[in-house]
């Protein structure tokens, strides 16, 4: 979220805050609903206790896959943000050095 806010001009942050909040809430609700449907499907097609345990395991693996995908995107975003900030800092240092000479 910090990266999203940092990319905005300060006067746009009050407009972006409720939009980001709605996206997070809707995304969480949709994700929960989809995974509930996946679990329900797994449990309906596996009537035995062992089958139902396997259904929970399969659903857990899907949750793990989604979480891993989100984590990868987060790491890439953080790495990109650091690189951009380093370039901006280096550019400011070069400008300051040029101004002094």
C-alpha atoms as a PDB file:
ATOM      1  CA  UNK A   1       0.000   0.000   0.000  1.00  0.00           C
ATOM      2  CA  UNK A   2       2.865   2.337   0.725  1.00  0.00           C
ATOM      3  CA  UNK A   3       4.116   1.936  -2.834  1.00  0.00           C
ATOM      4  CA  UNK A   4       0.682   2.736  -4.191  1.00  0.00           C
ATOM      5  CA  UNK A   5       0.435   5.902  -2.119  1.00  0.00           C
ATOM      6  CA  UNK A   6       4.014   6.921  -2.832  1.00  0.00           C
ATOM      7  CA  UNK A   7       3.322   6.907  -6.563  1.00  0.00           C
ATOM      8  CA  UNK A   8       0.535   9.459  -6.138  1.00  0.00           C
ATOM      9  CA  UNK A   9       0.803  13.206  -5.759  1.00  0.00           C
ATOM     10  CA  UNK A  10      -0.174  14.253  -2.206  1.00  0.00           C
ATOM     11  CA  UNK A  11      -3.371  15.958  -3.364  1.00  0.00           C
ATOM     12  CA  UNK A  12      -4.654  12.658  -4.877  1.00  0.00           C
ATOM     13  CA  UNK A  13      -4.216  10.532  -1.740  1.00  0.00           C
ATOM     14  CA  UNK A  14      -7.616  11.468  -0.228  1.00  0.00           C
ATOM     15  CA  UNK A  15      -9.298  10.216  -3.419  1.00  0.00           C
ATOM     16  CA  UNK A  16      -7.233   7.025  -3.601  1.00  0.00           C
ATOM     17  CA  UNK A  17      -7.709   5.949   0.021  1.00  0.00           C
ATOM     18  CA  UNK A  18     -11.396   4.965  -0.205  1.00  0.00           C
ATOM     19  CA  UNK A  19     -10.845   3.358  -3.611  1.00  0.00           C
ATOM     20  CA  UNK A  20      -8.059   1.167  -2.271  1.00  0.00           C
ATOM     21  CA  UNK A  21     -10.162   0.313   0.780  1.00  0.00           C
ATOM     22  CA  UNK A  22     -13.081  -0.809  -1.425  1.00  0.00           C
ATOM     23  CA  UNK A  23     -10.755  -2.887  -3.619  1.00  0.00           C
ATOM     24  CA  UNK A  24      -9.253  -4.617  -0.590  1.00  0.00           C
ATOM     25  CA  UNK A  25     -12.619  -5.377   0.968  1.00  0.00           C
ATOM     26  CA  UNK A  26     -14.205  -6.554  -2.281  1.00  0.00           C
ATOM     27  CA  UNK A  27     -11.138  -8.626  -3.181  1.00  0.00           C
ATOM     28  CA  UNK A  28     -11.126 -10.280   0.219  1.00  0.00           C
ATOM     29  CA  UNK A  29     -14.835 -11.072   0.015  1.00  0.00           C
ATOM     30  CA  UNK A  30     -14.568 -12.431  -3.525  1.00  0.00           C
ATOM     31  CA  UNK A  31     -11.513 -14.514  -2.642  1.00  0.00           C
ATOM     32  CA  UNK A  32     -13.259 -15.953   0.406  1.00  0.00           C
ATOM     33  CA  UNK A  33     -16.362 -16.763  -1.650  1.00  0.00           C
ATOM     34  CA  UNK A  34     -14.362 -18.465  -4.395  1.00  0.00           C
ATOM     35  CA  UNK A  35     -12.383 -20.576  -1.933  1.00  0.00           C
ATOM     36  CA  UNK A  36     -15.585 -21.479  -0.080  1.00  0.00           C
ATOM     37  CA  UNK A  37     -17.070 -22.734  -3.361  1.00  0.00           C
ATOM     38  CA  UNK A  38     -13.885 -24.731  -4.038  1.00  0.00           C
ATOM     39  CA  UNK A  39     -14.055 -26.299  -0.569  1.00  0.00           C
ATOM     40  CA  UNK A  40     -17.775 -27.023  -0.928  1.00  0.00           C
ATOM     41  CA  UNK A  41     -17.143 -28.707  -4.282  1.00  0.00           C
ATOM     42  CA  UNK A  42     -14.345 -30.795  -2.794  1.00  0.00           C
ATOM     43  CA  UNK A  43     -16.476 -31.891   0.173  1.00  0.00           C
ATOM     44  CA  UNK A  44     -19.549 -32.778  -1.936  1.00  0.00           C
ATOM     45  CA  UNK A  45     -17.577 -35.100  -4.188  1.00  0.00           C
ATOM     46  CA  UNK A  46     -15.775 -36.890  -1.345  1.00  0.00           C
ATOM     47  CA  UNK A  47     -18.322 -38.348   1.064  1.00  0.00           C
ATOM     48  CA  UNK A  48     -15.917 -40.356   3.237  1.00  0.00           C
ATOM     49  CA  UNK A  49     -14.053 -38.765   6.152  1.00  0.00           C
ATOM     50  CA  UNK A  50     -10.722 -39.496   4.460  1.00  0.00           C
ATOM     51  CA  UNK A  51     -12.015 -37.965   1.230  1.00  0.00           C
ATOM     52  CA  UNK A  52     -13.210 -34.880   3.056  1.00  0.00           C
ATOM     53  CA  UNK A  53      -9.822 -34.510   4.720  1.00  0.00           C
ATOM     54  CA  UNK A  54      -8.263 -34.725   1.279  1.00  0.00           C
ATOM     55  CA  UNK A  55     -10.734 -32.069   0.089  1.00  0.00           C
ATOM     56  CA  UNK A  56      -9.546 -29.724   2.821  1.00  0.00           C
ATOM     57  CA  UNK A  57      -5.949 -30.480   1.814  1.00  0.00           C
ATOM     58  CA  UNK A  58      -6.658 -29.715  -1.841  1.00  0.00           C
ATOM     59  CA  UNK A  59      -8.362 -26.447  -0.920  1.00  0.00           C
ATOM     60  CA  UNK A  60      -5.452 -25.539   1.349  1.00  0.00           C
ATOM     61  CA  UNK A  61      -3.020 -26.121  -1.528  1.00  0.00           C
ATOM     62  CA  UNK A  62      -5.044 -23.725  -3.674  1.00  0.00           C
ATOM     63  CA  UNK A  63      -4.959 -21.116  -0.909  1.00  0.00           C
ATOM     64  CA  UNK A  64      -1.210 -21.642  -0.659  1.00  0.00           C
ATOM     65  CA  UNK A  65      -0.818 -21.193  -4.434  1.00  0.00           C
ATOM     66  CA  UNK A  66      -2.793 -17.938  -4.384  1.00  0.00           C
ATOM     67  CA  UNK A  67      -0.781 -16.677  -1.414  1.00  0.00           C
ATOM     68  CA  UNK A  68       2.491 -17.572  -3.124  1.00  0.00           C
ATOM     69  CA  UNK A  69       1.447 -15.751  -6.296  1.00  0.00           C
ATOM     70  CA  UNK A  70       0.552 -12.663  -4.259  1.00  0.00           C
ATOM     71  CA  UNK A  71       3.844 -12.844  -2.369  1.00  0.00           C
ATOM     72  CA  UNK A  72       5.837 -13.052  -5.604  1.00  0.00           C
ATOM     73  CA  UNK A  73       4.089  -9.960  -6.946  1.00  0.00           C
ATOM     74  CA  UNK A  74       4.734  -8.155  -3.666  1.00  0.00           C
ATOM     75  CA  UNK A  75       8.433  -8.989  -3.772  1.00  0.00           C
ATOM     76  CA  UNK A  76       8.715  -7.831  -7.393  1.00  0.00           C
ATOM     77  CA  UNK A  77       6.919  -4.583  -6.542  1.00  0.00           C
ATOM     78  CA  UNK A  78       9.174  -3.941  -3.539  1.00  0.00           C
ATOM     79  CA  UNK A  79      12.297  -4.644  -5.606  1.00  0.00           C
ATOM     80  CA  UNK A  80      11.110  -2.321  -8.381  1.00  0.00           C
ATOM     81  CA  UNK A  81      10.255   0.408  -5.891  1.00  0.00           C
ATOM     82  CA  UNK A  82      13.706   0.220  -4.277  1.00  0.00           C
ATOM     83  CA  UNK A  83      15.375   0.418  -7.685  1.00  0.00           C
ATOM     84  CA  UNK A  84      13.316   3.473  -8.668  1.00  0.00           C
ATOM     85  CA  UNK A  85      14.055   5.173  -5.350  1.00  0.00           C
ATOM     86  CA  UNK A  86      17.798   4.492  -5.720  1.00  0.00           C
ATOM     87  CA  UNK A  87      17.757   5.988  -9.227  1.00  0.00           C
ATOM     88  CA  UNK A  88      15.856   9.050  -8.014  1.00  0.00           C
ATOM     89  CA  UNK A  89      18.288   9.498  -5.136  1.00  0.00           C
ATOM     90  CA  UNK A  90      21.287   9.130  -7.452  1.00  0.00           C
ATOM     91  CA  UNK A  91      19.745  11.648  -9.838  1.00  0.00           C
ATOM     92  CA  UNK A  92      19.268  14.158  -7.017  1.00  0.00           C
ATOM     93  CA  UNK A  93      22.869  13.651  -5.921  1.00  0.00           C
ATOM     94  CA  UNK A  94      24.079  14.269  -9.477  1.00  0.00           C
ATOM     95  CA  UNK A  95      21.961  17.423  -9.729  1.00  0.00           C
ATOM     96  CA  UNK A  96      23.325  18.660  -6.410  1.00  0.00           C
ATOM     97  CA  UNK A  97      26.886  17.940  -7.544  1.00  0.00           C
ATOM     98  CA  UNK A  98      26.294  19.776 -10.849  1.00  0.00           C
ATOM     99  CA  UNK A  99      24.825  22.753  -9.012  1.00  0.00           C
ATOM    100  CA  UNK A 100      27.835  23.008  -6.719  1.00  0.00           C
ATOM    101  CA  UNK A 101      30.351  23.074  -9.597  1.00  0.00           C
END
